[in-house]
């Protein structure tokens, strides 16, 4: 077993817990559909977070040949899935109660600053991870997408208007699809 095979176990556990929470949250939405006030951007973010969890796991494969592991570098790498898990906890925070009339929209806006603050931190950690691992920022396309998402996330912390948050979901979905199709459509051989 190489070093990364050992280290990837903990990364996979955290990502798996986040994926399980997201899938369970979607299930709870279906079960509680008559007792909750649904807000589609939350459903959109659940889907996007699911894709980001899977994408994070997918891109971790690129670290299989990295050999200069130390504890600090591993903590930075581990912080990325941990932040995704925190984002999952925030977006799903009202789904566990089962009480009638839960207003998911109200909960979303109550947590929106924390959610997007952590989202921006997640993106910054992704960039810091490349600096720690390779001593440089990622390539220009990867960096550009990160900067766009950071700008959108900062704006989401500041702008509390519903129109922005409604438009942010499809905008983010398109950006993520382009990002994956451009940079990570296949695992390297």
C-alpha atoms as a PDB file:
ATOM      1  CA  UNK A   1       0.000   0.000   0.000  1.00  0.00           C
ATOM      2  CA  UNK A   2       1.460   3.364  -0.990  1.00  0.00           C
ATOM      3  CA  UNK A   3       1.173   6.481   1.157  1.00  0.00           C
ATOM      4  CA  UNK A   4      -1.766   7.955  -0.695  1.00  0.00           C
ATOM      5  CA  UNK A   5      -3.765   4.726  -0.542  1.00  0.00           C
ATOM      6  CA  UNK A   6      -3.489   4.963   3.224  1.00  0.00           C
ATOM      7  CA  UNK A   7      -4.261   8.691   3.415  1.00  0.00           C
ATOM      8  CA  UNK A   8      -7.142   8.516   0.953  1.00  0.00           C
ATOM      9  CA  UNK A   9      -9.144   6.304   3.321  1.00  0.00           C
ATOM     10  CA  UNK A  10      -9.919   9.221   5.655  1.00  0.00           C
ATOM     11  CA  UNK A  11     -10.665  11.533   2.717  1.00  0.00           C
ATOM     12  CA  UNK A  12     -13.055   8.936   1.298  1.00  0.00           C
ATOM     13  CA  UNK A  13     -14.801   8.456   4.648  1.00  0.00           C
ATOM     14  CA  UNK A  14     -15.494  12.196   4.989  1.00  0.00           C
ATOM     15  CA  UNK A  15     -16.683  12.490   1.392  1.00  0.00           C
ATOM     16  CA  UNK A  16     -18.820   9.366   1.834  1.00  0.00           C
ATOM     17  CA  UNK A  17     -20.441  10.821   4.949  1.00  0.00           C
ATOM     18  CA  UNK A  18     -21.246  14.009   3.058  1.00  0.00           C
ATOM     19  CA  UNK A  19     -22.697  12.093   0.104  1.00  0.00           C
ATOM     20  CA  UNK A  20     -24.775   9.963   2.482  1.00  0.00           C
ATOM     21  CA  UNK A  21     -26.134  13.125   4.151  1.00  0.00           C
ATOM     22  CA  UNK A  22     -27.038  14.675   0.794  1.00  0.00           C
ATOM     23  CA  UNK A  23     -28.789  11.546  -0.479  1.00  0.00           C
ATOM     24  CA  UNK A  24     -30.597  11.184   2.843  1.00  0.00           C
ATOM     25  CA  UNK A  25     -31.584  14.870   2.671  1.00  0.00           C
ATOM     26  CA  UNK A  26     -33.103  14.385  -0.773  1.00  0.00           C
ATOM     27  CA  UNK A  27     -34.970  11.377   0.582  1.00  0.00           C
ATOM     28  CA  UNK A  28     -36.257  13.440   3.515  1.00  0.00           C
ATOM     29  CA  UNK A  29     -37.454  16.109   1.071  1.00  0.00           C
ATOM     30  CA  UNK A  30     -39.515  13.486  -0.725  1.00  0.00           C
ATOM     31  CA  UNK A  31     -40.894  12.005   2.503  1.00  0.00           C
ATOM     32  CA  UNK A  32     -41.696  15.402   4.047  1.00  0.00           C
ATOM     33  CA  UNK A  33     -42.892  17.065   0.826  1.00  0.00           C
ATOM     34  CA  UNK A  34     -46.372  17.706   2.217  1.00  0.00           C
ATOM     35  CA  UNK A  35     -45.125  19.120   5.516  1.00  0.00           C
ATOM     36  CA  UNK A  36     -42.392  21.495   4.375  1.00  0.00           C
ATOM     37  CA  UNK A  37     -42.297  24.708   2.404  1.00  0.00           C
ATOM     38  CA  UNK A  38     -39.899  23.842  -0.396  1.00  0.00           C
ATOM     39  CA  UNK A  39     -37.403  26.293  -1.899  1.00  0.00           C
ATOM     40  CA  UNK A  40     -35.921  25.076  -5.164  1.00  0.00           C
ATOM     41  CA  UNK A  41     -32.504  26.812  -4.833  1.00  0.00           C
ATOM     42  CA  UNK A  42     -31.888  24.615  -1.777  1.00  0.00           C
ATOM     43  CA  UNK A  43     -32.664  21.521  -3.852  1.00  0.00           C
ATOM     44  CA  UNK A  44     -30.310  22.903  -6.501  1.00  0.00           C
ATOM     45  CA  UNK A  45     -27.522  23.372  -3.964  1.00  0.00           C
ATOM     46  CA  UNK A  46     -28.064  19.841  -2.672  1.00  0.00           C
ATOM     47  CA  UNK A  47     -27.507  18.606  -6.227  1.00  0.00           C
ATOM     48  CA  UNK A  48     -24.487  20.855  -6.743  1.00  0.00           C
ATOM     49  CA  UNK A  49     -22.948  19.778  -3.442  1.00  0.00           C
ATOM     50  CA  UNK A  50     -23.426  16.153  -4.450  1.00  0.00           C
ATOM     51  CA  UNK A  51     -21.557  16.865  -7.693  1.00  0.00           C
ATOM     52  CA  UNK A  52     -18.819  18.745  -5.777  1.00  0.00           C
ATOM     53  CA  UNK A  53     -18.392  15.812  -3.373  1.00  0.00           C
ATOM     54  CA  UNK A  54     -18.029  13.399  -6.285  1.00  0.00           C
ATOM     55  CA  UNK A  55     -15.736  15.802  -8.168  1.00  0.00           C
ATOM     56  CA  UNK A  56     -13.522  16.200  -5.093  1.00  0.00           C
ATOM     57  CA  UNK A  57     -13.245  12.420  -4.775  1.00  0.00           C
ATOM     58  CA  UNK A  58     -12.575  12.146  -8.535  1.00  0.00           C
ATOM     59  CA  UNK A  59      -9.808  14.758  -8.488  1.00  0.00           C
ATOM     60  CA  UNK A  60      -8.130  13.189  -5.452  1.00  0.00           C
ATOM     61  CA  UNK A  61      -7.051  10.408  -7.838  1.00  0.00           C
ATOM     62  CA  UNK A  62      -4.603  12.909  -9.319  1.00  0.00           C
ATOM     63  CA  UNK A  63      -2.714  12.828  -5.986  1.00  0.00           C
ATOM     64  CA  UNK A  64      -1.899   9.119  -6.270  1.00  0.00           C
ATOM     65  CA  UNK A  65       1.632   9.810  -7.500  1.00  0.00           C
ATOM     66  CA  UNK A  66       2.408  12.561  -4.998  1.00  0.00           C
ATOM     67  CA  UNK A  67       5.099  11.278  -2.601  1.00  0.00           C
ATOM     68  CA  UNK A  68       6.156  14.229  -0.444  1.00  0.00           C
ATOM     69  CA  UNK A  69       3.403  13.871   2.151  1.00  0.00           C
ATOM     70  CA  UNK A  70       3.711  15.580   5.498  1.00  0.00           C
ATOM     71  CA  UNK A  71       1.097  16.193   8.164  1.00  0.00           C
ATOM     72  CA  UNK A  72       0.461  19.842   7.203  1.00  0.00           C
ATOM     73  CA  UNK A  73      -0.080  19.036   3.524  1.00  0.00           C
ATOM     74  CA  UNK A  74      -2.433  16.215   4.473  1.00  0.00           C
ATOM     75  CA  UNK A  75      -4.427  18.562   6.737  1.00  0.00           C
ATOM     76  CA  UNK A  76      -4.856  21.010   3.859  1.00  0.00           C
ATOM     77  CA  UNK A  77      -5.988  18.201   1.545  1.00  0.00           C
ATOM     78  CA  UNK A  78      -8.341  16.883   4.251  1.00  0.00           C
ATOM     79  CA  UNK A  79      -9.786  20.341   4.888  1.00  0.00           C
ATOM     80  CA  UNK A  80     -11.400  20.402   1.452  1.00  0.00           C
ATOM     81  CA  UNK A  81     -13.797  17.452   2.042  1.00  0.00           C
ATOM     82  CA  UNK A  82     -14.382  18.649   5.605  1.00  0.00           C
ATOM     83  CA  UNK A  83     -15.592  22.017   4.316  1.00  0.00           C
ATOM     84  CA  UNK A  84     -17.886  20.248   1.853  1.00  0.00           C
ATOM     85  CA  UNK A  85     -19.324  18.313   4.781  1.00  0.00           C
ATOM     86  CA  UNK A  86     -19.919  21.567   6.702  1.00  0.00           C
ATOM     87  CA  UNK A  87     -21.682  23.019   3.632  1.00  0.00           C
ATOM     88  CA  UNK A  88     -23.865  19.913   3.548  1.00  0.00           C
ATOM     89  CA  UNK A  89     -24.754  20.345   7.216  1.00  0.00           C
ATOM     90  CA  UNK A  90     -25.785  23.963   6.601  1.00  0.00           C
ATOM     91  CA  UNK A  91     -27.925  23.300   3.536  1.00  0.00           C
ATOM     92  CA  UNK A  92     -29.685  20.349   5.227  1.00  0.00           C
ATOM     93  CA  UNK A  93     -30.038  21.807   8.716  1.00  0.00           C
ATOM     94  CA  UNK A  94     -33.867  21.837   8.771  1.00  0.00           C
ATOM     95  CA  UNK A  95     -34.521  18.456   7.192  1.00  0.00           C
ATOM     96  CA  UNK A  96     -34.079  16.278  10.258  1.00  0.00           C
ATOM     97  CA  UNK A  97     -36.799  17.646  12.487  1.00  0.00           C
ATOM     98  CA  UNK A  98     -39.819  16.231  10.656  1.00  0.00           C
ATOM     99  CA  UNK A  99     -42.031  18.982  12.075  1.00  0.00           C
ATOM    100  CA  UNK A 100     -44.766  20.468   9.916  1.00  0.00           C
ATOM    101  CA  UNK A 101     -44.423  23.783   8.131  1.00  0.00           C
ATOM    102  CA  UNK A 102     -40.632  23.925   8.110  1.00  0.00           C
ATOM    103  CA  UNK A 103     -39.702  26.840   5.867  1.00  0.00           C
ATOM    104  CA  UNK A 104     -36.588  25.808   3.957  1.00  0.00           C
ATOM    105  CA  UNK A 105     -36.346  29.229   2.295  1.00  0.00           C
ATOM    106  CA  UNK A 106     -36.236  30.977   5.668  1.00  0.00           C
ATOM    107  CA  UNK A 107     -33.560  28.554   6.861  1.00  0.00           C
ATOM    108  CA  UNK A 108     -31.525  29.098   3.674  1.00  0.00           C
ATOM    109  CA  UNK A 109     -31.399  32.855   4.177  1.00  0.00           C
ATOM    110  CA  UNK A 110     -30.675  32.437   7.897  1.00  0.00           C
ATOM    111  CA  UNK A 111     -27.557  30.424   6.961  1.00  0.00           C
ATOM    112  CA  UNK A 112     -26.657  32.049   3.632  1.00  0.00           C
ATOM    113  CA  UNK A 113     -23.680  34.062   4.918  1.00  0.00           C
ATOM    114  CA  UNK A 114     -22.175  31.048   6.665  1.00  0.00           C
ATOM    115  CA  UNK A 115     -22.881  28.803   3.680  1.00  0.00           C
ATOM    116  CA  UNK A 116     -21.233  31.034   1.114  1.00  0.00           C
ATOM    117  CA  UNK A 117     -18.464  32.095   3.489  1.00  0.00           C
ATOM    118  CA  UNK A 118     -17.545  28.423   3.860  1.00  0.00           C
ATOM    119  CA  UNK A 119     -17.977  27.946   0.109  1.00  0.00           C
ATOM    120  CA  UNK A 120     -15.422  30.696  -0.545  1.00  0.00           C
ATOM    121  CA  UNK A 121     -13.125  29.129   2.071  1.00  0.00           C
ATOM    122  CA  UNK A 122     -13.536  25.737   0.329  1.00  0.00           C
ATOM    123  CA  UNK A 123     -12.392  27.309  -2.952  1.00  0.00           C
ATOM    124  CA  UNK A 124      -9.468  29.109  -1.291  1.00  0.00           C
ATOM    125  CA  UNK A 125      -8.371  25.853   0.360  1.00  0.00           C
ATOM    126  CA  UNK A 126      -8.461  24.216  -3.069  1.00  0.00           C
ATOM    127  CA  UNK A 127      -6.017  26.845  -4.341  1.00  0.00           C
ATOM    128  CA  UNK A 128      -3.860  26.645  -1.202  1.00  0.00           C
ATOM    129  CA  UNK A 129      -3.775  22.865  -1.624  1.00  0.00           C
ATOM    130  CA  UNK A 130      -2.126  23.264  -5.040  1.00  0.00           C
ATOM    131  CA  UNK A 131       0.375  25.732  -3.581  1.00  0.00           C
ATOM    132  CA  UNK A 132       1.261  23.304  -0.780  1.00  0.00           C
ATOM    133  CA  UNK A 133       1.461  20.255  -3.035  1.00  0.00           C
ATOM    134  CA  UNK A 134       3.120  21.703  -6.127  1.00  0.00           C
ATOM    135  CA  UNK A 135       4.409  25.125  -5.109  1.00  0.00           C
ATOM    136  CA  UNK A 136       2.163  26.859  -7.642  1.00  0.00           C
ATOM    137  CA  UNK A 137      -1.436  27.763  -8.356  1.00  0.00           C
ATOM    138  CA  UNK A 138      -3.391  25.533 -10.752  1.00  0.00           C
ATOM    139  CA  UNK A 139      -3.452  26.166 -14.501  1.00  0.00           C
ATOM    140  CA  UNK A 140      -5.167  29.232 -15.891  1.00  0.00           C
ATOM    141  CA  UNK A 141      -8.512  27.573 -16.697  1.00  0.00           C
ATOM    142  CA  UNK A 142      -8.750  25.970 -13.262  1.00  0.00           C
ATOM    143  CA  UNK A 143      -7.673  29.192 -11.560  1.00  0.00           C
ATOM    144  CA  UNK A 144     -10.150  31.269 -13.582  1.00  0.00           C
ATOM    145  CA  UNK A 145     -13.080  29.053 -12.567  1.00  0.00           C
ATOM    146  CA  UNK A 146     -11.974  29.243  -8.918  1.00  0.00           C
ATOM    147  CA  UNK A 147     -11.779  33.048  -9.082  1.00  0.00           C
ATOM    148  CA  UNK A 148     -15.228  33.275 -10.720  1.00  0.00           C
ATOM    149  CA  UNK A 149     -16.737  31.034  -8.030  1.00  0.00           C
ATOM    150  CA  UNK A 150     -14.978  32.994  -5.276  1.00  0.00           C
ATOM    151  CA  UNK A 151     -16.424  36.241  -6.682  1.00  0.00           C
ATOM    152  CA  UNK A 152     -19.908  34.694  -6.942  1.00  0.00           C
ATOM    153  CA  UNK A 153     -19.604  33.361  -3.384  1.00  0.00           C
ATOM    154  CA  UNK A 154     -18.489  36.694  -1.936  1.00  0.00           C
ATOM    155  CA  UNK A 155     -21.363  38.374  -3.757  1.00  0.00           C
ATOM    156  CA  UNK A 156     -23.758  35.772  -2.270  1.00  0.00           C
ATOM    157  CA  UNK A 157     -22.529  36.672   1.223  1.00  0.00           C
ATOM    158  CA  UNK A 158     -23.191  40.350   0.541  1.00  0.00           C
ATOM    159  CA  UNK A 159     -26.288  40.247  -1.680  1.00  0.00           C
ATOM    160  CA  UNK A 160     -29.345  39.017   0.192  1.00  0.00           C
ATOM    161  CA  UNK A 161     -31.769  39.606  -2.668  1.00  0.00           C
ATOM    162  CA  UNK A 162     -33.666  36.533  -3.746  1.00  0.00           C
ATOM    163  CA  UNK A 163     -33.123  37.104  -7.481  1.00  0.00           C
ATOM    164  CA  UNK A 164     -29.357  36.741  -7.026  1.00  0.00           C
ATOM    165  CA  UNK A 165     -29.626  33.467  -5.131  1.00  0.00           C
ATOM    166  CA  UNK A 166     -32.167  32.094  -7.600  1.00  0.00           C
ATOM    167  CA  UNK A 167     -29.864  32.914 -10.553  1.00  0.00           C
ATOM    168  CA  UNK A 168     -26.786  31.638  -8.731  1.00  0.00           C
ATOM    169  CA  UNK A 169     -27.905  27.993  -8.820  1.00  0.00           C
ATOM    170  CA  UNK A 170     -28.192  27.575 -12.621  1.00  0.00           C
ATOM    171  CA  UNK A 171     -25.149  29.801 -13.151  1.00  0.00           C
ATOM    172  CA  UNK A 172     -23.130  27.583 -10.808  1.00  0.00           C
ATOM    173  CA  UNK A 173     -24.472  24.429 -12.458  1.00  0.00           C
ATOM    174  CA  UNK A 174     -23.382  25.608 -15.915  1.00  0.00           C
ATOM    175  CA  UNK A 175     -19.971  26.630 -14.589  1.00  0.00           C
ATOM    176  CA  UNK A 176     -19.448  23.270 -12.863  1.00  0.00           C
ATOM    177  CA  UNK A 177     -20.450  21.350 -16.000  1.00  0.00           C
ATOM    178  CA  UNK A 178     -18.013  23.377 -18.122  1.00  0.00           C
ATOM    179  CA  UNK A 179     -15.306  22.965 -15.455  1.00  0.00           C
ATOM    180  CA  UNK A 180     -15.674  19.182 -15.338  1.00  0.00           C
ATOM    181  CA  UNK A 181     -15.985  18.797 -19.126  1.00  0.00           C
ATOM    182  CA  UNK A 182     -12.907  20.944 -19.706  1.00  0.00           C
ATOM    183  CA  UNK A 183     -10.546  19.765 -16.968  1.00  0.00           C
ATOM    184  CA  UNK A 184     -11.655  16.443 -15.518  1.00  0.00           C
ATOM    185  CA  UNK A 185     -13.657  14.377 -18.037  1.00  0.00           C
ATOM    186  CA  UNK A 186     -11.408  11.300 -17.610  1.00  0.00           C
ATOM    187  CA  UNK A 187      -9.050   9.898 -15.046  1.00  0.00           C
ATOM    188  CA  UNK A 188      -5.412   9.943 -16.133  1.00  0.00           C
ATOM    189  CA  UNK A 189      -3.845   6.639 -17.147  1.00  0.00           C
END
